[in-house]
Amino acid sequence: MTTKRASKMTIEASRCLRKAVREELKKKALLGQYVIINRNGKACRILAKQALKIARTK
């Protein structure tokens, strides 16, 4: 069994993407907008404020 370590560039890209998503959720939460997320393989519409709470726990 072999495992691969993520490269520095992959890790940095992941951090950058998470930061961008979090910032967008903050903007939408301030405006009271909804976002579409994936829950159990199905698209689900929730308030951005709720999605931001979920993102903070991860």
C-alpha atoms as a PDB file:
ATOM      1  CA  MET A   1       0.000   0.000   0.000  1.00  0.00           C
ATOM      2  CA  THR A   2       1.376   3.380  -0.928  1.00  0.00           C
ATOM      3  CA  THR A   3       0.370   6.818   0.209  1.00  0.00           C
ATOM      4  CA  LYS A   4       1.205  10.157  -1.307  1.00  0.00           C
ATOM      5  CA  ARG A   5       1.897  13.306   0.632  1.00  0.00           C
ATOM      6  CA  ALA A   6       0.340  16.509  -0.569  1.00  0.00           C
ATOM      7  CA  SER A   7       2.825  18.946  -2.018  1.00  0.00           C
ATOM      8  CA  LYS A   8       3.294  22.419  -0.564  1.00  0.00           C
ATOM      9  CA  MET A   9       1.540  23.922  -3.565  1.00  0.00           C
ATOM     10  CA  THR A  10      -1.487  21.636  -3.094  1.00  0.00           C
ATOM     11  CA  ILE A  11      -1.747  22.526   0.586  1.00  0.00           C
ATOM     12  CA  GLU A  12      -1.469  26.250  -0.136  1.00  0.00           C
ATOM     13  CA  ALA A  13      -4.079  26.019  -2.909  1.00  0.00           C
ATOM     14  CA  SER A  14      -6.456  24.258  -0.518  1.00  0.00           C
ATOM     15  CA  ARG A  15      -5.986  26.974   2.125  1.00  0.00           C
ATOM     16  CA  CYS A  16      -6.545  29.692  -0.451  1.00  0.00           C
ATOM     17  CA  LEU A  17      -9.747  28.058  -1.712  1.00  0.00           C
ATOM     18  CA  ARG A  18     -11.116  27.596   1.824  1.00  0.00           C
ATOM     19  CA  LYS A  19     -10.398  31.249   2.610  1.00  0.00           C
ATOM     20  CA  ALA A  20     -12.134  32.436  -0.568  1.00  0.00           C
ATOM     21  CA  VAL A  21     -15.231  30.326   0.148  1.00  0.00           C
ATOM     22  CA  ARG A  22     -15.391  31.533   3.752  1.00  0.00           C
ATOM     23  CA  GLU A  23     -15.170  35.182   2.625  1.00  0.00           C
ATOM     24  CA  GLU A  24     -17.967  34.649   0.099  1.00  0.00           C
ATOM     25  CA  LEU A  25     -20.146  33.010   2.752  1.00  0.00           C
ATOM     26  CA  LYS A  26     -19.570  36.019   5.022  1.00  0.00           C
ATOM     27  CA  LYS A  27     -20.703  38.405   2.261  1.00  0.00           C
ATOM     28  CA  LYS A  28     -23.824  36.387   1.523  1.00  0.00           C
ATOM     29  CA  ALA A  29     -24.625  36.029   5.243  1.00  0.00           C
ATOM     30  CA  LEU A  30     -24.534  39.809   5.675  1.00  0.00           C
ATOM     31  CA  LEU A  31     -26.972  40.173   2.781  1.00  0.00           C
ATOM     32  CA  GLY A  32     -29.276  37.425   4.082  1.00  0.00           C
ATOM     33  CA  GLN A  33     -28.821  35.298   0.964  1.00  0.00           C
ATOM     34  CA  TYR A  34     -29.021  31.550   0.467  1.00  0.00           C
ATOM     35  CA  VAL A  35     -26.339  29.135  -0.727  1.00  0.00           C
ATOM     36  CA  ILE A  36     -26.579  25.696  -2.289  1.00  0.00           C
ATOM     37  CA  ILE A  37     -24.617  22.937  -0.570  1.00  0.00           C
ATOM     38  CA  ASN A  38     -24.337  19.184  -0.968  1.00  0.00           C
ATOM     39  CA  ARG A  39     -25.936  17.132   1.820  1.00  0.00           C
ATOM     40  CA  ASN A  40     -25.997  13.355   1.538  1.00  0.00           C
ATOM     41  CA  GLY A  41     -25.539  13.562  -2.219  1.00  0.00           C
ATOM     42  CA  LYS A  42     -28.399  16.019  -2.744  1.00  0.00           C
ATOM     43  CA  ALA A  43     -28.410  19.753  -3.385  1.00  0.00           C
ATOM     44  CA  CYS A  44     -29.787  21.686  -0.431  1.00  0.00           C
ATOM     45  CA  ARG A  45     -30.583  25.402  -0.141  1.00  0.00           C
ATOM     46  CA  ILE A  46     -29.742  26.928   3.243  1.00  0.00           C
ATOM     47  CA  LEU A  47     -29.085  30.409   4.568  1.00  0.00           C
ATOM     48  CA  ALA A  48     -25.487  31.519   4.161  1.00  0.00           C
ATOM     49  CA  LYS A  49     -25.419  32.249   7.897  1.00  0.00           C
ATOM     50  CA  GLN A  50     -26.067  28.552   8.618  1.00  0.00           C
ATOM     51  CA  ALA A  51     -23.469  27.465   6.046  1.00  0.00           C
ATOM     52  CA  LEU A  52     -20.925  29.755   7.688  1.00  0.00           C
ATOM     53  CA  LYS A  53     -21.564  28.082  11.046  1.00  0.00           C
ATOM     54  CA  ILE A  54     -21.017  24.678   9.415  1.00  0.00           C
ATOM     55  CA  ALA A  55     -17.784  25.881   7.780  1.00  0.00           C
ATOM     56  CA  ARG A  56     -16.452  27.165  11.107  1.00  0.00           C
ATOM     57  CA  THR A  57     -16.840  23.769  12.748  1.00  0.00           C
ATOM     58  CA  LYS A  58     -14.684  22.063  10.120  1.00  0.00           C
END
